[in-house]
Amino acid sequence: MILKRILVLSIVLVSTFSFGQNFKKEKRIYMLDITKSMWGLGGGSDIYEEVKDALYKGVSDIQDPETIITIIPFQATHTYDILNSWTFRARDVAKFDSAKQKIDSYSLESAPGGYTDIYSALETAKKHIDDDRINYIFLLTDGEQSSVPSSPNKINRVDFSEENLLGSLSNWCNYSREEGVHLFYVMLTEVAANETIFEIIKKECNAYAVKGTNINIAFIKPKSNDIKINLNDNPEKLVIDLTANNWDYIDKDVSVNLELENNTLFELKNKTTILENNKVIIQLKRRNNNSFEDLRKNNPIESKIILKLSTANNLEILNPTINITVRNKKERVLTLEFSDDE
């Protein structure tokens, strides 16, 4: 007697195979301005306690215990020689308490009298990035880059000009792409709200200018920036799963703006969608109301389309560009027949 067993395998023949994204752990680097103006010297507002408490909340709210935190107070170019800094994992309470004890001790009287070197703060943060992690730099300042020359005293002086700072920021896109790092430039006061810097950052990728003392910026990012669809599946929507630094920071029913690159396949049914259940669903319509059969006949085996996400809300979208690969090739069915003789 011969028993036959039929095994049917569906094989999608593609030139590149999809694979699970390797999610990196995070590192957050906080550069904390402790120049005396943070306590109101010079006629400004005393915001140190407010900023300090917001920093503590941001660290405490981190949900992944494997996230690495670095906190570095800054003033002038060489003030790091006499200031402490701390690096610890998010749930290391003892090390966090040690950092808080020192940060709590800073005051108008005890803080060194250095000028403000934001350029050196940014360059110092770069030295602490971890190539094996996704890095977020939070540069917290209430002022502007001090002029050169500033002071003959090494600890107090600033060695770099605003031109150095603007040059570094103008090259941020190139730098961040190579290093995998995002910059949040937090302008704590109106004095710090430099419009030239604001405009430069708007043009750079992976950089975000934030105004105000709420340093716990809400941000989301796609779990993957690459989506593959097949015309033979008659696709009518895209689902983009999102992650967030903390979903509690994000309002309900946030509207996300959509921009689809001009192409021969699809248009958007709507220019906006709602962020729900940690994802956005994007409804597609066939260009010129073509049938899927017509699309398959008149388009190549593979097409590339760019989709961009944005929001007008107080919410940043990191890595907002989605690369859509549209395949135009059927699945093939391979049937394997085995026989056993008894």
Protein backbone atom coordinates (compact mmCIF):
# COMPACT_ATOMS: atom_id res chain seq x y z
CA MET A 1 0.00 0.00 0.00
CA ILE A 2 1.33 3.42 -0.91
CA LEU A 3 0.49 6.36 1.33
CA LYS A 4 0.86 9.78 -0.19
CA ARG A 5 1.35 12.96 1.72
CA ILE A 6 1.10 16.27 -0.03
CA LEU A 7 2.92 19.30 1.33
CA VAL A 8 2.00 22.65 -0.14
CA LEU A 9 4.29 25.58 0.45
CA SER A 10 3.56 29.17 -0.53
CA ILE A 11 6.76 30.90 -1.46
CA VAL A 12 6.95 34.60 -2.17
CA LEU A 13 9.80 35.18 -4.58
CA VAL A 14 11.26 38.59 -3.84
CA SER A 15 14.58 40.14 -4.58
CA THR A 16 15.02 41.20 -0.97
CA PHE A 17 13.66 39.37 2.06
CA SER A 18 11.90 41.19 4.86
CA PHE A 19 13.28 40.69 8.32
CA GLY A 20 12.51 41.79 11.86
CA GLN A 21 13.97 45.08 12.89
CA ASN A 22 16.70 44.92 15.49
CA PHE A 23 15.58 47.48 18.03
CA LYS A 24 18.44 49.18 19.81
CA LYS A 25 18.32 50.21 23.43
CA GLU A 26 18.40 53.92 24.24
CA LYS A 27 20.85 56.33 25.77
CA ARG A 28 19.72 59.77 26.94
CA ILE A 29 22.22 62.56 27.50
CA TYR A 30 21.00 65.59 29.45
CA MET A 31 23.15 68.74 29.24
CA LEU A 32 21.97 70.95 32.12
CA ASP A 33 22.77 74.67 32.06
CA ILE A 34 23.79 75.82 35.56
CA THR A 35 24.89 79.35 34.72
CA LYS A 36 23.75 81.87 37.32
CA SER A 37 20.99 83.20 35.05
CA MET A 38 19.13 79.94 35.79
CA TRP A 39 18.49 81.48 39.23
CA GLY A 40 17.42 84.83 37.75
CA LEU A 41 20.72 86.70 37.87
CA GLY A 42 20.65 89.49 35.30
CA GLY A 43 16.94 90.17 35.59
CA GLY A 44 15.50 86.92 34.22
CA SER A 45 13.23 84.40 35.90
CA ASP A 46 14.45 81.91 38.50
CA ILE A 47 13.67 78.64 36.70
CA TYR A 48 16.25 76.28 38.15
CA GLU A 49 13.91 74.38 40.49
CA GLU A 50 11.29 73.98 37.76
CA VAL A 51 13.80 72.70 35.22
CA LYS A 52 15.48 70.43 37.75
CA ASP A 53 12.16 68.86 38.78
CA ALA A 54 11.21 68.34 35.13
CA LEU A 55 14.56 66.61 34.55
CA TYR A 56 13.97 64.31 37.52
CA LYS A 57 10.49 63.46 36.25
CA GLY A 58 11.80 62.69 32.78
CA VAL A 59 14.38 60.28 34.13
CA SER A 60 11.91 58.66 36.55
CA ASP A 61 9.35 58.16 33.77
CA ILE A 62 11.72 56.13 31.58
CA GLN A 63 10.11 52.72 31.28
CA ASP A 64 12.96 50.59 29.99
CA PRO A 65 15.38 49.81 32.86
CA GLU A 66 18.13 49.16 30.31
CA THR A 67 18.11 52.80 29.15
CA ILE A 68 21.37 54.55 30.03
CA ILE A 69 21.21 58.09 31.42
CA THR A 70 24.01 60.66 31.40
CA ILE A 71 23.55 64.02 33.15
CA ILE A 72 26.21 66.69 32.60
CA PRO A 73 25.94 70.21 34.09
CA PHE A 74 27.60 72.87 31.96
CA GLN A 75 28.67 76.49 31.95
CA ALA A 76 31.82 77.72 30.21
CA THR A 77 34.32 75.84 28.03
CA HIS A 78 36.43 74.40 30.86
CA THR A 79 33.92 74.27 33.74
CA TYR A 80 33.70 70.50 33.23
CA ASP A 81 37.07 70.32 35.02
CA ILE A 82 35.37 71.14 38.33
CA LEU A 83 31.79 69.90 37.78
CA ASN A 84 30.42 66.41 38.36
CA SER A 85 28.67 64.27 35.77
CA TRP A 86 26.76 61.01 36.18
CA THR A 87 26.01 57.95 34.05
CA PHE A 88 23.67 55.21 35.25
CA ARG A 89 20.89 52.87 34.15
CA ALA A 90 17.33 54.14 34.37
CA ARG A 91 16.33 52.09 37.40
CA ASP A 92 19.57 52.50 39.36
CA VAL A 93 17.97 54.41 42.23
CA ALA A 94 21.16 54.75 44.28
CA LYS A 95 23.16 56.40 41.49
CA PHE A 96 20.23 58.61 40.50
CA ASP A 97 19.83 59.74 44.12
CA SER A 98 23.55 60.54 44.24
CA ALA A 99 23.20 62.72 41.14
CA LYS A 100 20.11 64.46 42.53
CA GLN A 101 21.88 65.22 45.80
CA LYS A 102 24.59 67.15 43.99
CA ILE A 103 22.22 68.83 41.52
CA ASP A 104 20.01 69.89 44.45
CA SER A 105 23.04 71.54 46.08
CA TYR A 106 23.61 73.96 43.18
CA SER A 107 22.44 77.50 43.91
CA LEU A 108 23.10 81.06 42.86
CA GLU A 109 25.83 81.19 45.48
CA SER A 110 27.42 77.77 44.94
CA ALA A 111 27.38 77.49 41.14
CA PRO A 112 30.64 78.56 39.46
CA GLY A 113 30.55 81.94 37.76
CA GLY A 114 31.30 80.83 34.23
CA TYR A 115 29.87 82.22 31.02
CA THR A 116 27.71 80.10 28.70
CA ASP A 117 29.35 77.85 26.10
CA ILE A 118 26.53 75.99 24.36
CA TYR A 119 28.86 74.87 21.57
CA SER A 120 31.10 73.02 24.04
CA ALA A 121 28.02 71.53 25.71
CA LEU A 122 26.94 70.06 22.39
CA GLU A 123 30.44 68.78 21.60
CA THR A 124 30.70 67.25 25.08
CA ALA A 125 27.40 65.46 24.59
CA LYS A 126 28.71 64.00 21.32
CA LYS A 127 31.64 62.45 23.21
CA HIS A 128 29.18 60.46 25.31
CA ILE A 129 27.12 58.87 22.56
CA ASP A 130 27.02 55.07 22.42
CA ASP A 131 27.36 53.60 18.92
CA ASP A 132 25.41 50.51 19.99
CA ARG A 133 22.39 52.52 21.10
CA ILE A 134 19.92 55.10 19.84
CA ASN A 135 21.08 58.35 21.43
CA TYR A 136 18.96 61.32 22.49
CA ILE A 137 20.65 64.57 23.50
CA PHE A 138 18.59 67.04 25.53
CA LEU A 139 20.42 70.38 25.57
CA LEU A 140 18.76 72.53 28.24
CA THR A 141 19.75 76.19 28.25
CA ASP A 142 18.25 79.52 29.31
CA GLY A 143 20.72 81.66 27.38
CA GLU A 144 22.78 82.24 24.28
CA GLN A 145 26.37 81.50 23.37
CA SER A 146 28.56 83.99 25.25
CA SER A 147 30.83 86.27 23.26
CA VAL A 148 34.55 85.70 22.79
CA PRO A 149 36.69 86.80 24.56
CA SER A 150 34.75 86.46 27.81
CA SER A 151 37.09 86.02 30.80
CA PRO A 152 40.84 85.62 31.41
CA ASN A 153 40.04 82.98 34.04
CA LYS A 154 40.20 79.52 32.44
CA ILE A 155 37.28 78.05 34.41
CA ASN A 156 35.02 80.98 33.52
CA ARG A 157 35.98 81.71 29.95
CA VAL A 158 34.39 80.71 26.64
CA ASP A 159 36.72 79.66 23.82
CA PHE A 160 34.14 79.35 21.04
CA SER A 161 31.80 81.75 19.31
CA GLU A 162 28.21 81.65 18.17
CA GLU A 163 29.58 80.99 14.68
CA ASN A 164 31.01 77.70 15.94
CA LEU A 165 27.63 76.74 17.40
CA LEU A 166 25.72 77.63 14.24
CA GLY A 167 28.21 75.68 12.13
CA SER A 168 27.82 72.57 14.29
CA LEU A 169 24.02 72.76 14.15
CA SER A 170 24.06 73.34 10.38
CA ASN A 171 25.92 70.06 9.95
CA TRP A 172 23.66 68.11 12.28
CA CYS A 173 21.91 66.08 9.60
CA ASN A 174 25.16 64.65 8.27
CA TYR A 175 26.47 63.98 11.76
CA SER A 176 23.30 62.39 13.09
CA ARG A 177 22.89 60.04 10.14
CA GLU A 178 26.35 58.63 10.74
CA GLU A 179 26.03 58.39 14.52
CA GLY A 180 22.35 57.58 15.09
CA VAL A 181 21.59 60.49 17.43
CA HIS A 182 18.68 62.90 17.91
CA LEU A 183 19.05 66.41 19.35
CA PHE A 184 16.41 68.24 21.37
CA TYR A 185 17.58 71.84 21.73
CA VAL A 186 15.43 73.11 24.61
CA MET A 187 15.22 76.93 24.78
CA LEU A 188 14.09 77.37 28.37
CA THR A 189 13.50 81.15 28.20
CA GLU A 190 12.83 83.87 25.66
CA VAL A 191 16.49 84.88 25.90
CA ALA A 192 17.45 81.41 24.69
CA ALA A 193 14.86 81.47 21.90
CA ASN A 194 17.32 82.37 19.17
CA GLU A 195 15.40 82.54 15.89
CA THR A 196 18.51 81.86 13.79
CA ILE A 197 19.10 78.63 15.69
CA PHE A 198 15.40 77.79 15.48
CA GLU A 199 15.40 78.14 11.69
CA ILE A 200 18.59 76.08 11.28
CA ILE A 201 17.19 73.26 13.38
CA LYS A 202 13.92 73.25 11.40
CA LYS A 203 15.94 72.47 8.26
CA GLU A 204 18.05 69.73 9.82
CA CYS A 205 17.01 66.10 10.21
CA ASN A 206 16.99 64.45 13.64
CA ALA A 207 17.04 67.84 15.40
CA TYR A 208 14.15 69.53 17.20
CA ALA A 209 13.88 72.99 18.76
CA VAL A 210 11.63 73.21 21.82
CA LYS A 211 10.62 76.38 23.64
CA GLY A 212 9.72 76.42 27.33
CA THR A 213 10.59 74.67 30.58
CA ASN A 214 8.63 71.47 29.90
CA ILE A 215 11.65 69.41 28.91
CA ASN A 216 9.72 66.13 28.83
CA ILE A 217 9.03 66.26 25.13
CA ALA A 218 6.56 63.76 23.75
CA PHE A 219 7.85 61.91 20.71
CA ILE A 220 6.84 58.94 18.63
CA LYS A 221 8.62 57.03 15.90
CA PRO A 222 7.72 54.22 13.48
CA LYS A 223 8.77 50.76 14.59
CA SER A 224 10.03 50.31 11.05
CA ASN A 225 10.63 52.81 8.28
CA ASP A 226 10.31 50.18 5.57
CA ILE A 227 6.98 48.73 4.43
CA LYS A 228 6.48 46.12 1.71
CA ILE A 229 3.16 45.58 -0.06
CA ASN A 230 2.16 43.52 -3.09
CA LEU A 231 -0.24 44.66 -5.81
CA ASN A 232 -1.53 41.11 -6.07
CA ASP A 233 -2.92 41.46 -2.55
CA ASN A 234 -5.06 44.44 -3.66
CA PRO A 235 -3.74 46.66 -0.84
CA GLU A 236 -6.05 49.47 0.24
CA LYS A 237 -4.41 50.58 3.46
CA LEU A 238 -1.12 50.79 5.31
CA VAL A 239 -0.69 50.15 9.01
CA ILE A 240 2.28 51.81 10.69
CA ASP A 241 3.03 50.67 14.23
CA LEU A 242 4.60 53.30 16.47
CA THR A 243 6.67 53.47 19.62
CA ALA A 244 6.84 56.41 22.03
CA ASN A 245 9.19 57.65 24.71
CA ASN A 246 6.19 57.56 27.05
CA TRP A 247 2.61 57.09 25.88
CA ASP A 248 1.39 58.97 28.98
CA TYR A 249 2.91 62.16 27.51
CA ILE A 250 0.79 61.89 24.37
CA ASP A 251 -2.75 63.21 24.03
CA LYS A 252 -5.56 61.03 22.74
CA ASP A 253 -6.73 61.34 19.14
CA VAL A 254 -3.62 63.10 17.91
CA SER A 255 -3.93 64.05 14.24
CA VAL A 256 -1.04 62.98 12.00
CA ASN A 257 -0.48 64.71 8.66
CA LEU A 258 0.36 62.59 5.62
CA GLU A 259 2.28 63.43 2.48
CA LEU A 260 2.65 60.79 -0.24
CA GLU A 261 5.23 61.27 -2.95
CA ASN A 262 3.79 61.54 -6.45
CA ASN A 263 3.66 58.09 -8.08
CA THR A 264 1.75 56.04 -10.67
CA LEU A 265 0.05 53.72 -8.18
CA PHE A 266 -1.66 55.32 -5.21
CA GLU A 267 -3.03 58.50 -3.73
CA LEU A 268 -4.17 59.21 -0.21
CA LYS A 269 -7.87 59.04 0.60
CA ASN A 270 -7.24 61.53 3.40
CA LYS A 271 -4.38 63.92 4.11
CA THR A 272 -4.61 63.22 7.85
CA THR A 273 -5.20 60.25 10.10
CA ILE A 274 -5.63 59.68 13.82
CA LEU A 275 -3.07 58.07 16.11
CA GLU A 276 -4.97 55.25 17.83
CA ASN A 277 -3.84 52.13 19.68
CA ASN A 278 -0.17 53.01 19.10
CA LYS A 279 -0.54 53.00 15.34
CA VAL A 280 -1.77 54.97 12.36
CA ILE A 281 -3.86 53.49 9.55
CA ILE A 282 -3.50 55.10 6.15
CA GLN A 283 -6.23 54.57 3.58
CA LEU A 284 -5.07 54.35 -0.04
CA LYS A 285 -6.93 54.90 -3.27
CA ARG A 286 -5.83 53.79 -6.70
CA ARG A 287 -4.56 56.62 -8.86
CA ASN A 288 -7.08 57.71 -11.52
CA ASN A 289 -9.44 55.03 -10.14
CA ASN A 290 -7.55 52.37 -12.05
CA SER A 291 -8.37 48.80 -11.25
CA PHE A 292 -5.74 46.66 -9.54
CA GLU A 293 -5.59 44.64 -12.74
CA ASP A 294 -4.66 47.80 -14.68
CA LEU A 295 -2.07 48.73 -12.07
CA ARG A 296 -0.48 45.31 -12.35
CA LYS A 297 -0.37 45.53 -16.13
CA ASN A 298 1.09 49.00 -16.33
CA ASN A 299 3.68 49.08 -13.57
CA PRO A 300 7.09 47.46 -13.10
CA ILE A 301 7.91 44.50 -10.88
CA GLU A 302 8.95 46.84 -8.09
CA SER A 303 8.20 50.47 -7.29
CA LYS A 304 9.37 52.75 -4.49
CA ILE A 305 7.15 55.38 -2.83
CA ILE A 306 7.98 57.83 -0.03
CA LEU A 307 5.45 58.67 2.68
CA LYS A 308 6.12 61.45 5.21
CA LEU A 309 4.45 61.86 8.59
CA SER A 310 4.15 65.10 10.51
CA THR A 311 2.02 66.69 13.20
CA ALA A 312 1.01 70.19 14.22
CA ASN A 313 0.55 69.05 17.81
CA ASN A 314 3.13 69.48 20.56
CA LEU A 315 4.52 66.13 19.53
CA GLU A 316 7.68 65.28 17.64
CA ILE A 317 7.82 62.46 15.09
CA LEU A 318 11.27 60.93 14.88
CA ASN A 319 12.32 59.26 11.62
CA PRO A 320 9.12 60.44 9.88
CA THR A 321 9.93 59.13 6.38
CA ILE A 322 8.42 55.77 5.42
CA ASN A 323 9.89 53.88 2.46
CA ILE A 324 7.18 51.85 0.73
CA THR A 325 8.23 49.04 -1.60
CA VAL A 326 5.41 47.94 -3.91
CA ARG A 327 5.93 44.51 -5.41
CA ASN A 328 4.12 43.49 -8.59
CA LYS A 329 4.64 39.76 -8.70
CA LYS A 330 2.41 36.87 -7.75
CA GLU A 331 3.14 34.30 -5.12
CA ARG A 332 4.13 30.97 -6.48
CA VAL A 333 2.90 27.71 -5.05
CA LEU A 334 5.34 24.87 -4.82
CA THR A 335 3.84 21.42 -4.32
CA LEU A 336 6.07 18.67 -3.01
CA GLU A 337 4.86 15.08 -3.20
CA PHE A 338 6.28 12.36 -0.97
CA SER A 339 5.46 8.65 -1.08
CA ASP A 340 6.00 6.00 1.59
CA ASP A 341 5.92 2.34 0.71
CA GLU A 342 4.56 -0.02 3.34
